Amino acid sequence: MKGGHGPPGPGGGRHPPGIAREKSMRRSYCGLCEECPLGLGDFQEIVSRLREYVTRFRSNWWEHCFPKENGFSFVEFRKALDWFLARQDCPGCQGGRGFPDCPIRVCAMERHLAGCYQCDDLEACDKFEHLLVEFPDVKVKLRRRQIKYRAQLHHQRLASGKKVT
């Protein structure tokens, strides 16, 4: 591929070199799950190799050299690596994971939407406040997806001969 970049990702963006997006069944209403690295082959391989290295390094023995204020718990670090390795197949919130009482999920389900990009109230929606700190562009990406979705609907109506409003 040109430029050494991987295939187009969600929203037409490209993944960094060496990160190929595998077919994912992760789906969410807000769009975050479609971009999650869990389950990506390269990500899982790196985590697995790091886990092996930490084990070979015998980090438990070295932990006393780095007091808490200057280090961290290698045991907890290993638990975190194991956590990533155990969650390769997360289906996303539409597949049963995530927070059951997430305001975005609840709203989209009540409105029978496949995703927030289908909602006419997306731009003014305040249910994303809890995500914007970590994912400041989540609504921007949804708005882009919404524009593409509306264009598709428009072209489908034109092709079917129905009156476009």
Protein backbone atom coordinates (compact mmCIF):
# COMPACT_ATOMS: atom_id res chain seq x y z
CA MET A 1 0.00 0.00 0.00
CA LYS A 2 1.15 3.53 -0.68
CA GLY A 3 3.02 5.28 2.09
CA GLY A 4 3.27 2.07 4.14
CA HIS A 5 -0.02 2.77 5.84
CA GLY A 6 -2.62 0.16 6.63
CA PRO A 7 -6.07 -0.07 5.11
CA PRO A 8 -8.64 2.65 5.67
CA GLY A 9 -10.07 2.63 9.16
CA PRO A 10 -13.45 3.85 10.40
CA GLY A 11 -14.37 7.15 8.84
CA GLY A 12 -11.87 6.63 6.00
CA GLY A 13 -8.81 7.38 8.17
CA ARG A 14 -5.66 5.32 7.93
CA HIS A 15 -4.02 3.30 10.66
CA PRO A 16 -0.35 3.78 11.50
CA PRO A 17 2.15 1.61 9.60
CA GLY A 18 2.00 -1.99 10.71
CA ILE A 19 -1.44 -1.69 12.28
CA ALA A 20 -3.87 -3.49 10.02
CA ARG A 21 -7.50 -3.29 11.04
CA GLU A 22 -8.99 -6.77 11.24
CA LYS A 23 -12.66 -7.34 10.59
CA SER A 24 -14.32 -6.45 13.83
CA MET A 25 -17.74 -7.21 15.17
CA ARG A 26 -17.39 -4.54 17.87
CA ARG A 27 -20.25 -2.12 17.61
CA SER A 28 -21.32 0.77 19.75
CA TYR A 29 -23.86 3.55 19.53
CA CYS A 30 -21.26 6.29 20.11
CA GLY A 31 -18.72 4.90 17.62
CA LEU A 32 -15.85 4.36 20.09
CA CYS A 33 -15.86 0.55 19.93
CA GLU A 34 -15.20 0.55 16.22
CA GLU A 35 -11.84 2.23 16.93
CA CYS A 36 -10.86 0.15 19.97
CA PRO A 37 -7.47 -1.59 19.72
CA LEU A 38 -8.66 -4.69 21.62
CA GLY A 39 -8.62 -7.62 19.25
CA LEU A 40 -6.23 -6.05 16.76
CA GLY A 41 -3.58 -8.62 15.94
CA ASP A 42 -0.65 -6.22 16.25
CA PHE A 43 -1.89 -4.80 19.55
CA GLN A 44 -2.44 -8.24 21.05
CA GLU A 45 0.97 -9.41 19.80
CA ILE A 46 2.72 -6.44 21.42
CA VAL A 47 0.90 -6.97 24.72
CA SER A 48 1.71 -10.68 24.62
CA ARG A 49 5.39 -10.06 23.90
CA LEU A 50 5.57 -7.47 26.68
CA ARG A 51 3.95 -9.95 29.08
CA GLU A 52 6.57 -12.56 28.14
CA TYR A 53 9.37 -10.04 28.60
CA VAL A 54 8.11 -8.94 32.02
CA THR A 55 7.95 -12.60 33.07
CA ARG A 56 11.47 -13.35 31.81
CA PHE A 57 12.76 -10.16 33.43
CA ARG A 58 11.54 -11.54 36.78
CA SER A 59 10.23 -8.13 37.63
CA ASN A 60 9.01 -9.24 41.07
CA TRP A 61 12.62 -9.59 42.15
CA TRP A 62 13.52 -6.07 40.94
CA GLU A 63 10.51 -4.34 42.45
CA HIS A 64 12.36 -3.63 45.73
CA CYS A 65 14.82 -1.46 43.75
CA PHE A 66 12.04 0.96 42.86
CA PRO A 67 10.11 2.15 45.92
CA LYS A 68 6.46 3.00 45.38
CA GLU A 69 7.12 6.73 45.00
CA ASN A 70 9.67 6.02 42.24
CA GLY A 71 8.05 3.00 40.62
CA PHE A 72 4.88 1.00 40.32
CA SER A 73 3.60 -2.46 41.12
CA PHE A 74 4.88 -5.01 38.62
CA VAL A 75 2.22 -7.41 39.87
CA GLU A 76 -0.49 -4.89 38.96
CA PHE A 77 1.24 -4.20 35.64
CA ARG A 78 1.19 -7.91 34.83
CA LYS A 79 -2.51 -8.02 35.79
CA ALA A 80 -3.16 -5.17 33.36
CA LEU A 81 -1.40 -7.03 30.55
CA ASP A 82 -3.42 -10.16 31.35
CA TRP A 83 -6.58 -8.03 31.30
CA PHE A 84 -5.86 -6.88 27.73
CA LEU A 85 -5.03 -10.42 26.60
CA ALA A 86 -8.31 -11.75 28.04
CA ARG A 87 -10.47 -9.20 26.22
CA GLN A 88 -9.63 -9.76 22.58
CA ASP A 89 -13.19 -10.50 21.56
CA CYS A 90 -15.20 -7.68 23.11
CA PRO A 91 -18.35 -7.22 21.01
CA GLY A 92 -18.93 -3.62 22.11
CA CYS A 93 -21.98 -2.27 23.89
CA GLN A 94 -24.35 -3.34 21.13
CA GLY A 95 -23.07 -6.88 21.67
CA GLY A 96 -23.78 -6.85 25.40
CA ARG A 97 -20.67 -5.25 26.91
CA GLY A 98 -20.18 -1.75 28.23
CA PHE A 99 -22.13 0.13 30.86
CA PRO A 100 -25.79 -0.93 30.85
CA ASP A 101 -26.89 2.48 32.11
CA CYS A 102 -24.73 4.54 29.72
CA PRO A 103 -26.92 7.52 28.77
CA ILE A 104 -25.86 7.22 25.12
CA ARG A 105 -26.75 3.54 24.98
CA VAL A 106 -30.07 4.02 26.78
CA CYS A 107 -31.10 6.88 24.48
CA ALA A 108 -30.13 5.11 21.25
CA MET A 109 -31.97 1.96 22.31
CA GLU A 110 -35.09 3.94 23.25
CA ARG A 111 -35.00 5.62 19.84
CA HIS A 112 -34.31 2.30 18.05
CA LEU A 113 -31.15 3.66 16.41
CA ALA A 114 -28.25 1.60 15.08
CA GLY A 115 -25.97 4.46 16.11
CA CYS A 116 -26.02 8.06 17.24
CA TYR A 117 -25.11 9.15 13.70
CA GLN A 118 -28.75 8.41 12.80
CA CYS A 119 -30.12 10.84 15.40
CA ASP A 120 -31.42 14.25 14.35
CA ASP A 121 -30.52 15.59 17.82
CA LEU A 122 -26.84 14.58 17.69
CA GLU A 123 -25.36 18.06 17.42
CA ALA A 124 -27.19 19.39 20.49
CA CYS A 125 -26.91 16.14 22.47
CA ASP A 126 -25.40 16.49 25.96
CA LYS A 127 -25.10 12.76 26.69
CA PHE A 128 -21.45 12.72 25.53
CA GLU A 129 -20.06 14.86 28.36
CA HIS A 130 -18.56 11.86 30.17
CA LEU A 131 -16.65 10.82 27.03
CA LEU A 132 -15.36 14.19 25.85
CA VAL A 133 -12.51 14.37 28.36
CA GLU A 134 -10.82 11.23 26.99
CA PHE A 135 -12.28 11.32 23.48
CA PRO A 136 -12.73 14.99 22.53
CA ASP A 137 -13.42 14.22 18.87
CA VAL A 138 -16.08 11.54 19.38
CA LYS A 139 -18.95 13.82 18.32
CA VAL A 140 -17.00 15.27 15.40
CA LYS A 141 -16.47 11.75 14.05
CA LEU A 142 -20.14 10.95 14.55
CA ARG A 143 -21.17 14.14 12.74
CA ARG A 144 -18.95 13.13 9.78
CA ARG A 145 -20.55 9.70 9.79
CA GLN A 146 -23.97 11.33 10.03
CA ILE A 147 -23.28 13.47 6.95
CA LYS A 148 -22.26 10.36 4.98
CA TYR A 149 -25.31 8.48 6.26
CA ARG A 150 -27.67 11.27 5.24
CA ALA A 151 -26.03 11.50 1.82
CA GLN A 152 -26.54 7.74 1.36
CA LEU A 153 -30.21 8.07 2.30
CA HIS A 154 -30.59 10.97 -0.10
CA HIS A 155 -29.03 9.00 -2.99
CA GLN A 156 -31.18 5.96 -2.19
CA ARG A 157 -34.30 8.11 -2.37
CA LEU A 158 -33.16 9.59 -5.67
CA ALA A 159 -32.42 6.15 -7.10
CA SER A 160 -35.80 4.80 -6.02
CA GLY A 161 -37.63 7.70 -7.64
CA LYS A 162 -39.15 8.86 -4.34
CA LYS A 163 -39.61 12.57 -3.79
CA VAL A 164 -36.65 14.04 -1.89
CA THR A 165 -37.55 16.51 0.83
